[in-house]
N, C-alpha and C. Protein backbone atom coordinates (compact mmCIF):
# COMPACT_ATOMS: atom_id res chain seq x y z
N UNK A 1 0.78 -1.33 -0.04
CA UNK A 1 0.03 -0.06 -0.04
C UNK A 1 0.77 1.24 0.04
N UNK A 2 2.00 1.19 0.82
CA UNK A 2 2.91 2.29 0.90
C UNK A 2 3.78 2.51 -0.27
N UNK A 3 3.97 1.45 -1.14
CA UNK A 3 4.78 1.46 -2.18
C UNK A 3 4.60 2.50 -3.31
N UNK A 4 3.33 2.64 -3.76
CA UNK A 4 2.97 3.71 -4.80
C UNK A 4 3.29 5.01 -4.29
N UNK A 5 2.91 5.33 -3.00
CA UNK A 5 3.20 6.63 -2.48
C UNK A 5 4.78 6.96 -2.43
N UNK A 6 5.47 5.85 -1.89
CA UNK A 6 6.91 6.05 -1.92
C UNK A 6 7.52 6.40 -3.21
N UNK A 7 6.96 5.57 -4.25
CA UNK A 7 7.49 5.75 -5.64
C UNK A 7 7.28 7.25 -6.14
N UNK A 8 6.00 7.69 -5.73
CA UNK A 8 5.70 9.03 -6.20
C UNK A 8 6.50 10.05 -5.52
N UNK A 9 6.75 9.78 -4.13
CA UNK A 9 7.56 10.70 -3.45
C UNK A 9 9.06 10.74 -3.91
N UNK A 10 9.51 9.57 -4.32
CA UNK A 10 10.86 9.51 -4.92
C UNK A 10 10.88 10.35 -6.19
N UNK A 11 9.95 10.18 -7.01
CA UNK A 11 9.85 10.93 -8.28
C UNK A 11 9.83 12.42 -8.01
N UNK A 12 9.10 12.84 -6.96
CA UNK A 12 9.04 14.20 -6.65
C UNK A 12 10.39 14.70 -6.29
N UNK A 13 11.14 14.01 -5.36
CA UNK A 13 12.49 14.33 -4.92
C UNK A 13 13.30 14.46 -6.11
N UNK A 14 13.23 13.55 -6.98
CA UNK A 14 14.18 13.43 -8.15
C UNK A 14 13.90 14.74 -9.01
N UNK A 15 12.71 15.12 -9.31
CA UNK A 15 12.38 16.27 -10.10
C UNK A 15 12.86 17.61 -9.30
N UNK A 16 12.56 17.70 -8.09
CA UNK A 16 13.00 18.90 -7.39
C UNK A 16 14.46 18.97 -7.23
N UNK A 17 15.09 17.87 -7.05
CA UNK A 17 16.69 17.85 -6.93
C UNK A 17 17.18 18.32 -8.29
N UNK A 18 16.60 17.87 -9.38
CA UNK A 18 17.09 18.34 -10.61
C UNK A 18 16.77 19.87 -10.83
N UNK A 19 15.68 20.26 -10.46
CA UNK A 19 15.42 21.80 -10.49
C UNK A 19 16.36 22.65 -9.58
N UNK A 20 16.60 22.12 -8.41
CA UNK A 20 17.51 22.88 -7.47
C UNK A 20 19.00 22.83 -8.06
N UNK A 21 19.35 21.74 -8.72
CA UNK A 21 20.68 21.63 -9.31
C UNK A 21 20.78 22.63 -10.50
N UNK A 22 19.70 22.64 -11.33
CA UNK A 22 19.87 23.63 -12.41
C UNK A 22 19.85 25.06 -11.87
N UNK A 23 19.13 25.34 -10.85
CA UNK A 23 19.12 26.71 -10.40
C UNK A 23 20.47 27.03 -9.75
N UNK A 24 21.06 26.17 -9.01
CA UNK A 24 22.33 26.31 -8.38
C UNK A 24 23.52 26.57 -9.28
N UNK A 25 23.47 25.79 -10.41
CA UNK A 25 24.59 25.71 -11.31
C UNK A 25 24.40 26.77 -12.50
N UNK A 26 23.19 27.38 -12.64
CA UNK A 26 22.97 28.21 -13.73
C UNK A 26 23.86 29.37 -13.69
N UNK A 27 24.46 29.73 -14.74
CA UNK A 27 25.32 30.95 -14.91
C UNK A 27 24.51 32.04 -15.67
N UNK A 28 24.99 33.24 -15.58
CA UNK A 28 24.20 34.31 -16.21
C UNK A 28 24.21 34.18 -17.70
N UNK A 29 25.38 33.76 -18.23
CA UNK A 29 25.36 33.36 -19.74
C UNK A 29 24.34 32.27 -20.15
N UNK A 30 24.28 31.31 -19.29
CA UNK A 30 23.33 30.27 -19.53
C UNK A 30 21.86 30.91 -19.47
N UNK A 31 21.62 31.70 -18.59
CA UNK A 31 20.27 32.45 -18.44
C UNK A 31 20.02 33.10 -19.66
N UNK A 32 20.92 33.88 -20.22
CA UNK A 32 20.73 34.66 -21.42
C UNK A 32 20.52 33.86 -22.57
N UNK A 33 21.30 32.65 -22.69
CA UNK A 33 21.05 31.80 -23.67
C UNK A 33 19.60 31.13 -23.67
N UNK A 34 19.16 30.83 -22.67
CA UNK A 34 17.85 30.25 -22.43
C UNK A 34 16.83 31.21 -22.76
N UNK A 35 17.04 32.58 -22.43
CA UNK A 35 16.07 33.65 -22.75
C UNK A 35 15.91 33.74 -24.32
N UNK A 36 17.13 33.81 -24.97
CA UNK A 36 17.15 33.96 -26.39
C UNK A 36 16.51 32.80 -27.07
N UNK A 37 16.82 31.53 -26.52
CA UNK A 37 16.14 30.33 -27.16
C UNK A 37 14.57 30.37 -27.01
N UNK A 38 14.18 30.84 -25.85
CA UNK A 38 12.77 30.92 -25.59
C UNK A 38 12.08 31.80 -26.43
N UNK A 39 12.60 33.07 -26.68
CA UNK A 39 12.07 34.00 -27.66
C UNK A 39 12.07 33.45 -29.01
N UNK A 40 13.18 32.74 -29.42
CA UNK A 40 13.16 32.16 -30.78
C UNK A 40 12.05 31.22 -31.01
N UNK A 41 11.82 30.48 -29.95
CA UNK A 41 10.74 29.35 -30.08
C UNK A 41 9.39 30.14 -30.14
N UNK A 42 9.14 31.11 -29.34
CA UNK A 42 7.86 31.76 -29.26
C UNK A 42 7.53 32.60 -30.48
N UNK A 43 8.66 32.89 -31.26
CA UNK A 43 8.25 33.47 -32.64
C UNK A 43 7.51 32.53 -33.48
N UNK A 44 7.67 31.26 -33.26
CA UNK A 44 7.09 30.24 -34.13
C UNK A 44 5.72 29.85 -33.48
N UNK A 45 5.20 30.46 -32.40
CA UNK A 45 4.07 30.01 -31.79
C UNK A 45 2.97 31.17 -31.61
N UNK A 46 2.63 31.88 -32.70
CA UNK A 46 1.55 32.91 -32.57
C UNK A 46 0.24 32.30 -32.63
N UNK A 47 -0.66 32.80 -31.94
CA UNK A 47 -2.05 32.30 -31.80
C UNK A 47 -2.96 32.61 -32.97
N UNK A 48 -4.18 32.36 -32.98
CA UNK A 48 -5.14 32.64 -34.07
C UNK A 48 -5.32 34.18 -34.16
N UNK A 49 -5.01 34.90 -33.00
CA UNK A 49 -5.17 36.45 -33.14
C UNK A 49 -3.78 37.04 -33.25
N UNK A 50 -2.79 36.38 -33.83
CA UNK A 50 -1.53 36.90 -34.02
C UNK A 50 -0.81 37.52 -32.91
N UNK A 51 -0.91 36.70 -31.75
CA UNK A 51 -0.32 37.21 -30.57
C UNK A 51 0.85 36.12 -30.14
N UNK A 52 1.88 36.58 -29.55
CA UNK A 52 2.85 35.71 -29.18
C UNK A 52 3.60 36.24 -27.80
N UNK A 53 4.36 35.46 -27.21
CA UNK A 53 5.09 35.78 -25.98
C UNK A 53 6.44 36.24 -26.19
N UNK A 54 6.81 37.17 -25.51
CA UNK A 54 8.20 37.71 -25.45
C UNK A 54 8.70 37.87 -24.07
N UNK A 55 9.96 37.29 -23.88
CA UNK A 55 10.58 37.42 -22.51
C UNK A 55 11.70 38.32 -22.49
N UNK A 56 11.84 39.16 -21.43
CA UNK A 56 12.93 40.15 -21.30
C UNK A 56 13.28 40.18 -19.90
N UNK A 57 14.65 40.20 -19.73
CA UNK A 57 15.22 40.24 -18.47
C UNK A 57 15.14 41.66 -17.88
N UNK A 58 14.96 41.84 -16.57
CA UNK A 58 14.85 43.15 -15.92
C UNK A 58 15.38 43.00 -14.45
N UNK A 59 15.78 44.09 -13.83
CA UNK A 59 16.25 44.10 -12.43
C UNK A 59 17.56 43.32 -12.33
N UNK A 60 18.45 43.39 -13.32
CA UNK A 60 19.70 42.66 -13.42
C UNK A 60 20.61 43.54 -12.56
N UNK A 61 21.26 43.00 -11.54
CA UNK A 61 22.18 43.72 -10.75
C UNK A 61 23.58 43.72 -11.42
N UNK A 62 24.39 44.76 -10.96
CA UNK A 62 25.79 44.83 -11.41
C UNK A 62 26.68 43.85 -10.71
N UNK A 63 26.22 43.34 -9.58
CA UNK A 63 27.03 42.45 -8.78
C UNK A 63 26.82 41.05 -9.25
N UNK A 64 27.78 40.36 -9.99
CA UNK A 64 27.56 39.04 -10.54
C UNK A 64 27.06 37.94 -9.59
N UNK A 65 27.55 38.13 -8.23
CA UNK A 65 27.30 37.02 -7.33
C UNK A 65 25.81 37.11 -6.82
N UNK A 66 25.17 38.14 -6.98
CA UNK A 66 23.80 38.23 -6.46
C UNK A 66 22.68 38.38 -7.67
N UNK A 67 23.02 38.14 -8.87
CA UNK A 67 22.04 38.32 -9.89
C UNK A 67 20.89 37.47 -9.83
N UNK A 68 20.96 36.28 -9.22
CA UNK A 68 19.82 35.31 -9.26
C UNK A 68 18.80 35.85 -8.22
N UNK A 69 19.17 36.59 -7.16
CA UNK A 69 18.29 37.00 -6.19
C UNK A 69 17.49 38.29 -6.55
N UNK A 70 18.01 39.01 -7.61
CA UNK A 70 17.38 40.13 -8.03
C UNK A 70 16.66 40.13 -9.47
N UNK A 71 17.22 39.19 -10.36
CA UNK A 71 16.69 39.27 -11.66
C UNK A 71 15.33 38.80 -11.74
N UNK A 72 14.57 39.40 -12.60
CA UNK A 72 13.17 39.01 -13.04
C UNK A 72 13.09 38.96 -14.49
N UNK A 73 12.12 38.25 -14.92
CA UNK A 73 11.74 38.20 -16.39
C UNK A 73 10.42 38.67 -16.67
N UNK A 74 10.26 39.68 -17.55
CA UNK A 74 9.03 40.11 -17.89
C UNK A 74 8.46 39.30 -19.05
N UNK A 75 7.43 38.59 -18.87
CA UNK A 75 6.71 37.82 -19.90
C UNK A 75 5.55 38.71 -20.38
N UNK A 76 5.79 39.01 -21.65
CA UNK A 76 4.82 40.01 -22.37
C UNK A 76 4.01 39.22 -23.43
N UNK A 77 2.74 39.57 -23.53
CA UNK A 77 1.99 38.99 -24.66
C UNK A 77 1.84 40.18 -25.60
N UNK A 78 2.34 40.06 -26.86
CA UNK A 78 2.43 41.17 -27.76
C UNK A 78 1.57 40.78 -29.04
N UNK A 79 1.21 41.76 -29.72
CA UNK A 79 0.46 41.61 -31.00
C UNK A 79 1.33 41.85 -32.09
N UNK A 80 1.70 40.76 -32.98
CA UNK A 80 2.58 40.79 -34.06
C UNK A 80 2.16 41.87 -35.17
N UNK A 81 0.82 42.06 -35.36
CA UNK A 81 0.47 43.06 -36.34
C UNK A 81 0.80 44.41 -35.93
N UNK A 82 1.00 44.80 -34.72
CA UNK A 82 1.26 46.14 -34.32
C UNK A 82 2.67 46.21 -33.61
N UNK A 83 3.55 46.82 -34.24
CA UNK A 83 4.98 46.83 -33.65
C UNK A 83 5.00 47.24 -32.21
N UNK A 84 5.61 46.64 -31.27
CA UNK A 84 5.79 47.05 -29.89
C UNK A 84 4.54 47.15 -29.16
N UNK A 85 3.46 46.46 -29.56
CA UNK A 85 2.19 46.58 -28.88
C UNK A 85 2.15 45.45 -27.84
N UNK A 86 2.23 45.82 -26.57
CA UNK A 86 2.21 44.86 -25.48
C UNK A 86 0.79 44.93 -24.91
N UNK A 87 0.07 43.81 -25.02
CA UNK A 87 -1.24 43.64 -24.48
C UNK A 87 -1.29 43.58 -23.01
N UNK A 88 -0.41 42.67 -22.46
CA UNK A 88 -0.34 42.48 -20.98
C UNK A 88 1.02 41.77 -20.66
N UNK A 89 1.49 41.86 -19.42
CA UNK A 89 2.69 41.19 -19.04
C UNK A 89 2.59 40.72 -17.66
N UNK A 90 3.52 39.90 -17.28
CA UNK A 90 3.73 39.38 -15.83
C UNK A 90 5.20 39.24 -15.60
N UNK A 91 5.51 39.50 -14.31
CA UNK A 91 6.90 39.35 -13.94
C UNK A 91 7.15 38.03 -13.32
N UNK A 92 8.22 37.31 -13.72
CA UNK A 92 8.51 35.91 -13.28
C UNK A 92 9.78 36.06 -12.62
N UNK A 93 9.78 35.23 -11.52
CA UNK A 93 11.11 34.97 -10.77
C UNK A 93 12.06 34.11 -11.70
N UNK A 94 13.24 33.95 -11.28
CA UNK A 94 14.10 33.08 -12.08
C UNK A 94 13.68 31.62 -12.01
N UNK A 95 13.16 31.15 -10.94
CA UNK A 95 12.66 29.86 -10.84
C UNK A 95 11.37 29.68 -11.80
N UNK A 96 10.57 30.65 -11.76
CA UNK A 96 9.37 30.53 -12.55
C UNK A 96 9.73 30.59 -14.02
N UNK A 97 10.72 31.40 -14.28
CA UNK A 97 11.24 31.46 -15.74
C UNK A 97 11.71 30.02 -16.23
N UNK A 98 12.57 29.42 -15.26
CA UNK A 98 12.97 28.11 -15.68
C UNK A 98 11.93 27.03 -15.92
N UNK A 99 10.94 27.16 -14.97
CA UNK A 99 9.75 26.24 -15.11
C UNK A 99 9.00 26.52 -16.54
N UNK A 100 8.87 27.83 -16.82
CA UNK A 100 8.27 28.15 -18.14
C UNK A 100 9.06 27.74 -19.25
N UNK A 101 10.35 27.78 -19.11
CA UNK A 101 11.24 27.45 -20.25
C UNK A 101 11.10 26.00 -20.64
N UNK A 102 11.16 25.16 -19.63
CA UNK A 102 11.01 23.73 -19.86
C UNK A 102 9.55 23.37 -20.28
N UNK A 103 8.51 24.01 -19.87
CA UNK A 103 7.22 23.70 -20.27
C UNK A 103 6.99 24.17 -21.73
N UNK A 104 7.44 25.33 -22.18
CA UNK A 104 7.31 25.75 -23.52
C UNK A 104 8.18 24.93 -24.45
N UNK A 105 9.39 24.50 -23.97
CA UNK A 105 10.17 23.61 -24.87
C UNK A 105 9.36 22.21 -25.06
N UNK A 106 8.84 21.77 -24.01
CA UNK A 106 8.15 20.49 -24.17
C UNK A 106 6.94 20.61 -25.05
N UNK A 107 6.20 21.68 -24.91
CA UNK A 107 5.04 21.89 -25.73
C UNK A 107 5.55 22.08 -27.20
N UNK A 108 6.57 22.89 -27.48
CA UNK A 108 6.97 23.01 -28.77
C UNK A 108 7.45 21.65 -29.36
N UNK A 109 8.13 20.81 -28.65
CA UNK A 109 8.60 19.60 -29.16
C UNK A 109 7.37 18.63 -29.47
N UNK A 110 6.29 18.74 -28.62
CA UNK A 110 5.25 17.97 -28.96
C UNK A 110 4.35 18.49 -30.18
N UNK A 111 4.38 19.83 -30.31
CA UNK A 111 3.68 20.43 -31.41
C UNK A 111 4.45 20.02 -32.64
N UNK A 112 5.77 20.07 -32.66
CA UNK A 112 6.52 19.70 -33.81
C UNK A 112 6.28 18.23 -34.21
N UNK A 113 6.24 17.43 -33.34
CA UNK A 113 5.97 15.91 -33.56
C UNK A 113 4.61 15.83 -34.14
N UNK A 114 3.60 16.46 -33.59
CA UNK A 114 2.17 16.42 -34.13
C UNK A 114 2.22 16.98 -35.49
N UNK A 115 2.98 18.07 -35.86
CA UNK A 115 2.87 18.66 -37.12
C UNK A 115 3.34 17.75 -38.30
N UNK A 116 4.18 16.84 -37.91
CA UNK A 116 4.73 15.89 -38.85
C UNK A 116 3.69 14.80 -39.34
N UNK A 117 2.58 14.62 -38.40
CA UNK A 117 1.51 13.81 -38.67
C UNK A 117 0.38 14.51 -39.34
N UNK A 118 0.34 15.74 -39.25
CA UNK A 118 -0.72 16.48 -39.86
C UNK A 118 -0.19 17.82 -40.25
N UNK A 119 -0.66 18.23 -41.48
CA UNK A 119 -0.02 19.50 -42.00
C UNK A 119 -0.53 20.71 -41.58
N UNK A 120 -1.79 20.65 -41.02
CA UNK A 120 -2.37 21.86 -40.49
C UNK A 120 -2.63 21.79 -39.06
N UNK A 121 -2.55 22.93 -38.38
CA UNK A 121 -2.92 22.89 -36.92
C UNK A 121 -4.22 23.62 -36.78
N UNK A 122 -5.05 23.19 -35.84
CA UNK A 122 -6.27 23.79 -35.53
C UNK A 122 -6.13 25.03 -34.80
N UNK A 123 -7.11 25.92 -34.91
CA UNK A 123 -7.03 27.21 -34.21
C UNK A 123 -6.94 27.02 -32.56
N UNK A 124 -7.61 25.93 -32.11
CA UNK A 124 -7.44 25.73 -30.79
C UNK A 124 -6.01 25.41 -30.33
N UNK A 125 -5.18 24.74 -31.20
CA UNK A 125 -3.89 24.45 -30.91
C UNK A 125 -3.06 25.72 -30.84
N UNK A 126 -3.36 26.57 -31.89
CA UNK A 126 -2.63 27.88 -31.92
C UNK A 126 -2.92 28.72 -30.65
N UNK A 127 -4.32 28.76 -30.28
CA UNK A 127 -4.72 29.50 -29.20
C UNK A 127 -3.92 29.09 -27.92
N UNK A 128 -3.69 27.81 -27.75
CA UNK A 128 -3.06 27.37 -26.55
C UNK A 128 -1.62 27.65 -26.52
N UNK A 129 -0.97 27.99 -27.64
CA UNK A 129 0.37 28.27 -27.73
C UNK A 129 0.70 29.44 -27.07
N UNK A 130 -0.14 30.53 -27.16
CA UNK A 130 0.07 31.73 -26.54
C UNK A 130 -0.83 31.95 -25.23
N UNK A 131 -2.17 31.95 -25.54
CA UNK A 131 -3.10 32.38 -24.44
C UNK A 131 -2.91 31.46 -23.21
N UNK A 132 -3.11 30.13 -23.48
CA UNK A 132 -3.03 29.25 -22.29
C UNK A 132 -1.77 29.26 -21.61
N UNK A 133 -0.60 29.36 -22.39
CA UNK A 133 0.76 29.36 -21.81
C UNK A 133 0.86 30.58 -20.91
N UNK A 134 0.44 31.78 -21.50
CA UNK A 134 0.52 32.98 -20.70
C UNK A 134 -0.38 33.01 -19.38
N UNK A 135 -1.55 32.47 -19.54
CA UNK A 135 -2.38 32.34 -18.32
C UNK A 135 -1.71 31.42 -17.27
N UNK A 136 -0.97 30.48 -17.74
CA UNK A 136 -0.38 29.57 -16.78
C UNK A 136 0.88 30.10 -16.07
N UNK A 137 1.43 31.19 -16.56
CA UNK A 137 2.56 31.93 -15.97
C UNK A 137 2.13 32.83 -14.79
N UNK A 138 3.14 33.24 -13.96
CA UNK A 138 2.92 34.27 -13.03
C UNK A 138 2.30 33.79 -11.78
N UNK A 139 1.43 34.57 -11.43
CA UNK A 139 0.76 34.31 -10.04
C UNK A 139 1.71 34.78 -8.93
N UNK A 140 1.32 34.61 -7.71
CA UNK A 140 2.16 35.16 -6.70
C UNK A 140 3.49 34.24 -6.52
N UNK A 141 4.61 35.02 -6.55
CA UNK A 141 5.81 34.28 -6.42
C UNK A 141 5.95 33.75 -4.97
N UNK A 142 6.41 32.60 -4.78
CA UNK A 142 6.75 32.09 -3.39
C UNK A 142 8.19 31.91 -3.20
N UNK A 143 8.55 32.38 -1.93
CA UNK A 143 9.96 32.15 -1.50
C UNK A 143 10.23 30.78 -1.04
N UNK A 144 11.51 30.52 -0.82
CA UNK A 144 11.80 29.10 -0.22
C UNK A 144 11.01 28.80 0.96
N UNK A 145 10.77 29.82 1.90
CA UNK A 145 10.13 29.63 3.12
C UNK A 145 8.60 29.45 3.01
N UNK A 146 8.06 29.63 1.73
CA UNK A 146 6.59 29.54 1.54
C UNK A 146 6.16 28.39 0.77
N UNK A 147 7.01 27.52 0.56
CA UNK A 147 6.71 26.22 -0.15
C UNK A 147 7.44 25.04 0.31
N UNK A 148 6.88 23.83 0.30
CA UNK A 148 7.69 22.64 0.68
C UNK A 148 8.69 22.25 -0.46
N UNK A 149 9.72 21.87 0.05
CA UNK A 149 10.88 21.62 -0.85
C UNK A 149 10.61 20.38 -1.87
N UNK A 150 9.60 19.66 -1.41
CA UNK A 150 9.37 18.33 -2.10
C UNK A 150 8.23 18.50 -3.02
N UNK A 151 6.92 18.85 -2.48
CA UNK A 151 5.71 18.95 -3.35
C UNK A 151 5.60 20.27 -4.00
N UNK A 152 6.39 21.29 -3.55
CA UNK A 152 6.23 22.69 -4.01
C UNK A 152 4.83 23.15 -4.13
N UNK A 153 3.98 22.62 -3.30
CA UNK A 153 2.58 23.07 -3.25
C UNK A 153 2.12 23.59 -1.86
N UNK A 154 2.28 22.61 -0.82
CA UNK A 154 1.83 22.95 0.46
C UNK A 154 2.88 23.91 1.15
N UNK A 155 2.43 24.66 2.25
CA UNK A 155 3.34 25.40 3.02
C UNK A 155 4.19 24.58 3.95
N UNK A 156 5.54 24.92 4.06
CA UNK A 156 6.36 24.07 4.97
C UNK A 156 5.84 24.22 6.45
N UNK A 157 5.97 23.27 7.17
CA UNK A 157 5.55 23.24 8.64
C UNK A 157 6.69 22.76 9.53
N UNK A 158 7.68 22.17 8.87
CA UNK A 158 8.84 21.61 9.72
C UNK A 158 10.14 22.16 9.09
N UNK A 159 11.06 22.73 9.95
CA UNK A 159 12.41 22.98 9.34
C UNK A 159 13.41 22.13 10.07
N UNK A 160 14.27 21.48 9.31
CA UNK A 160 15.28 20.54 9.86
C UNK A 160 16.44 21.35 10.27
N UNK A 161 17.44 20.75 11.08
CA UNK A 161 18.60 21.50 11.47
C UNK A 161 19.41 22.07 10.29
N UNK A 162 19.26 21.42 9.07
CA UNK A 162 19.97 21.90 7.98
C UNK A 162 19.35 23.20 7.33
N UNK A 163 18.19 23.48 7.92
CA UNK A 163 17.37 24.73 7.52
C UNK A 163 16.56 24.33 6.28
N UNK A 164 16.48 23.16 5.72
CA UNK A 164 15.56 22.79 4.64
C UNK A 164 14.13 22.65 5.27
N UNK A 165 13.11 23.13 4.52
CA UNK A 165 11.81 23.11 5.15
C UNK A 165 10.86 22.28 4.38
N UNK A 166 9.99 21.52 5.00
CA UNK A 166 9.12 20.60 4.35
C UNK A 166 7.68 20.64 5.00
N UNK A 167 6.60 20.39 4.31
CA UNK A 167 5.30 20.09 4.83
C UNK A 167 5.32 18.92 5.68
N UNK A 168 4.47 18.90 6.66
CA UNK A 168 4.54 17.67 7.54
C UNK A 168 4.11 16.42 6.89
N UNK A 169 3.31 16.35 5.79
CA UNK A 169 2.99 15.12 5.21
C UNK A 169 4.12 14.46 4.45
N UNK A 170 4.92 15.31 3.72
CA UNK A 170 5.98 14.88 2.89
C UNK A 170 7.14 14.34 3.89
N UNK A 171 7.48 15.10 4.93
CA UNK A 171 8.68 14.78 5.74
C UNK A 171 8.32 13.51 6.58
N UNK A 172 7.12 13.31 7.06
CA UNK A 172 6.65 12.31 7.86
C UNK A 172 6.66 10.98 6.94
N UNK A 173 6.30 10.97 5.77
CA UNK A 173 6.31 9.89 4.89
C UNK A 173 7.75 9.60 4.60
N UNK A 174 8.60 10.58 4.41
CA UNK A 174 9.97 10.29 4.07
C UNK A 174 10.76 9.73 5.42
N UNK A 175 10.35 10.20 6.56
CA UNK A 175 10.97 9.81 7.78
C UNK A 175 10.62 8.32 8.12
N UNK A 176 9.62 7.71 7.49
CA UNK A 176 9.34 6.30 7.78
C UNK A 176 10.51 5.45 7.65
N UNK A 177 11.19 5.67 6.58
CA UNK A 177 12.32 4.73 6.29
C UNK A 177 13.60 5.54 5.99
N UNK A 178 13.66 6.80 6.32
CA UNK A 178 14.93 7.57 6.20
C UNK A 178 15.02 8.46 7.33
N UNK A 179 16.39 8.72 7.71
CA UNK A 179 16.69 9.56 8.88
C UNK A 179 17.61 10.78 8.36
N UNK A 180 17.58 10.98 7.02
CA UNK A 180 18.41 12.14 6.53
C UNK A 180 17.56 13.11 5.86
N UNK A 181 18.01 14.38 5.62
CA UNK A 181 17.41 15.29 4.91
C UNK A 181 17.26 14.92 3.45
N UNK A 182 16.10 14.93 2.73
CA UNK A 182 15.95 14.61 1.38
C UNK A 182 16.87 15.32 0.34
N UNK A 183 17.26 16.58 0.76
CA UNK A 183 18.06 17.35 -0.20
C UNK A 183 19.54 17.21 0.09
N UNK A 184 19.96 17.46 1.36
CA UNK A 184 21.37 17.45 1.60
C UNK A 184 21.92 16.22 2.36
N UNK A 185 21.02 15.31 2.55
CA UNK A 185 21.32 14.09 3.31
C UNK A 185 21.89 14.25 4.65
N UNK A 186 21.72 15.28 5.41
CA UNK A 186 22.19 15.41 6.70
C UNK A 186 21.38 14.63 7.69
N UNK A 187 21.90 13.92 8.63
CA UNK A 187 21.20 13.13 9.55
C UNK A 187 20.38 13.92 10.51
N UNK A 188 19.12 13.61 10.73
CA UNK A 188 18.32 14.22 11.77
C UNK A 188 17.31 13.32 12.36
N UNK A 189 16.76 13.68 13.55
CA UNK A 189 15.78 13.03 14.21
C UNK A 189 14.51 13.84 14.15
N UNK A 190 13.37 13.31 13.46
CA UNK A 190 12.22 14.12 13.35
C UNK A 190 11.61 14.67 14.59
N UNK A 191 11.72 13.96 15.67
CA UNK A 191 11.04 14.35 16.86
C UNK A 191 11.96 15.28 17.84
N UNK A 192 13.12 15.19 17.74
CA UNK A 192 14.07 15.87 18.59
C UNK A 192 14.82 17.04 18.01
N UNK A 193 15.01 16.99 16.61
CA UNK A 193 15.89 17.90 16.03
C UNK A 193 15.26 18.73 14.99
N UNK A 194 13.93 18.93 14.99
CA UNK A 194 13.24 19.76 13.97
C UNK A 194 12.45 20.85 14.73
N UNK A 195 12.14 21.92 14.03
CA UNK A 195 11.32 23.02 14.53
C UNK A 195 10.13 23.17 13.75
N UNK A 196 8.98 23.47 14.35
CA UNK A 196 7.61 23.70 13.68
C UNK A 196 7.69 25.13 13.36
N UNK A 197 7.35 25.39 12.14
CA UNK A 197 7.18 26.78 11.72
C UNK A 197 5.72 27.34 12.00
N UNK A 198 5.72 28.39 12.86
CA UNK A 198 4.46 28.98 13.20
C UNK A 198 3.98 29.98 12.12
N UNK A 199 2.65 30.19 12.10
CA UNK A 199 2.14 31.16 11.19
C UNK A 199 2.50 32.56 11.46
N UNK A 200 2.93 33.46 10.53
CA UNK A 200 3.25 34.81 10.88
C UNK A 200 2.02 35.50 11.46
N UNK A 201 2.14 36.48 12.49
CA UNK A 201 1.01 37.12 12.97
C UNK A 201 0.39 38.12 11.86
N UNK A 202 -0.86 38.44 12.09
CA UNK A 202 -1.50 39.23 11.07
C UNK A 202 -0.97 40.80 11.28
N UNK A 203 -1.13 41.61 10.22
CA UNK A 203 -0.58 42.96 10.48
C UNK A 203 -1.35 43.77 11.54
N UNK A 204 -2.64 43.50 11.70
CA UNK A 204 -3.38 44.14 12.78
C UNK A 204 -2.86 43.80 14.12
N UNK A 205 -2.42 42.51 14.35
CA UNK A 205 -1.97 42.04 15.58
C UNK A 205 -0.58 42.78 15.94
N UNK A 206 0.23 42.90 14.78
CA UNK A 206 1.57 43.52 14.95
C UNK A 206 1.39 44.96 15.29
N UNK A 207 0.45 45.66 14.65
CA UNK A 207 0.28 47.07 14.83
C UNK A 207 -0.29 47.22 16.46
N UNK A 208 -1.25 46.27 16.93
CA UNK A 208 -1.64 46.34 18.20
C UNK A 208 -0.58 46.17 19.24
N UNK A 209 0.34 45.30 18.98
CA UNK A 209 1.54 45.07 19.87
C UNK A 209 2.38 46.21 19.94
N UNK A 210 2.65 46.82 18.75
CA UNK A 210 3.47 47.99 18.66
C UNK A 210 2.93 49.15 19.48
N UNK A 211 1.48 49.33 19.40
CA UNK A 211 0.89 50.39 20.17
C UNK A 211 0.93 50.17 21.64
N UNK A 212 0.85 48.99 21.98
CA UNK A 212 0.97 48.65 23.52
C UNK A 212 2.43 48.86 23.97
N UNK A 213 3.41 48.55 23.15
CA UNK A 213 4.82 48.79 23.49
C UNK A 213 5.11 50.18 23.71
N UNK A 214 4.57 51.10 22.72
CA UNK A 214 4.73 52.51 22.76
C UNK A 214 4.16 53.09 24.00
N UNK A 215 2.91 52.68 24.35
CA UNK A 215 2.21 53.14 25.49
C UNK A 215 3.05 52.77 26.75
N UNK A 216 3.53 51.61 26.76
CA UNK A 216 4.45 51.14 28.00
C UNK A 216 5.66 51.97 28.17
N UNK A 217 6.27 52.25 26.97
CA UNK A 217 7.48 53.05 26.94
C UNK A 217 7.22 54.44 27.45
N UNK A 218 6.16 55.02 27.01
CA UNK A 218 5.74 56.40 27.33
C UNK A 218 5.40 56.41 28.85
N UNK A 219 4.66 55.45 29.31
CA UNK A 219 4.23 55.41 30.69
C UNK A 219 5.49 55.24 31.61
N UNK A 220 6.40 54.44 31.23
CA UNK A 220 7.62 54.27 31.99
C UNK A 220 8.46 55.51 32.09
N UNK A 221 8.47 56.29 30.91
CA UNK A 221 9.31 57.54 30.89
C UNK A 221 8.61 58.59 31.83
N UNK A 222 7.33 58.58 31.89
CA UNK A 222 6.52 59.48 32.65
C UNK A 222 6.83 59.17 34.18
N UNK A 223 6.76 57.93 34.45
CA UNK A 223 6.96 57.62 35.92
C UNK A 223 8.44 57.87 36.34
N UNK A 224 9.33 57.78 35.40
CA UNK A 224 10.75 58.00 35.78
C UNK A 224 10.90 59.52 35.97
N UNK A 225 10.27 60.35 35.19
CA UNK A 225 10.43 61.68 35.22
C UNK A 225 9.88 62.30 36.67
N UNK A 226 8.73 61.61 37.05
CA UNK A 226 8.13 61.97 38.25
C UNK A 226 9.09 61.58 39.47
N UNK A 227 9.69 60.39 39.36
CA UNK A 227 10.60 60.00 40.43
C UNK A 227 11.83 60.95 40.52
N UNK A 228 12.26 61.42 39.45
CA UNK A 228 13.51 62.38 39.54
C UNK A 228 13.06 63.70 39.97
N UNK A 229 11.88 64.24 39.77
CA UNK A 229 11.44 65.51 40.16
C UNK A 229 11.02 65.48 41.73
């Protein structure tokens, strides 16, 4: 009964490990090459309304060591019939861009294979190439602390001593037969060496606590002044 889940979990770890490895080893020149390749592919994928996707890097820092933390990619849906006409755009993080890169390449390969079997493409296929792809991009970007390192869907609830975070479901299933971190393989004890991540307080609660602290400070200063006088 547990074998299918273990197999699925192993596949998820494998995919995420590959994604982390690509992100970690990606150089700026590799990033630019992928950007140019993606734009070249998108030139061949206009939809029935003559719209296509264009990707452009922005927020590139002058410091080579920190470019991954600041760079963003502007994904624009443009109309080919009108030069420089941008209908809409979305900002992608580097990780979102890499996901989009692989998704578009996979779709392009599948479309190329299908075109060999049929000479014409339906309007639905062309619409998917731009409209559906664009709609699938973007959304709220999530940081490493806002998503489980395994499923990349649920919020992390447990942080291991190595600082990698996971949702409780994934790490408990992993810990049934493993005592190491899925990513870095550092030994850990799920009951004794992990921390539970609490929810961040609401902004109203933070403001209320700040007001209380300010009142206490002012009250203390007033009493101190009275004592000295």
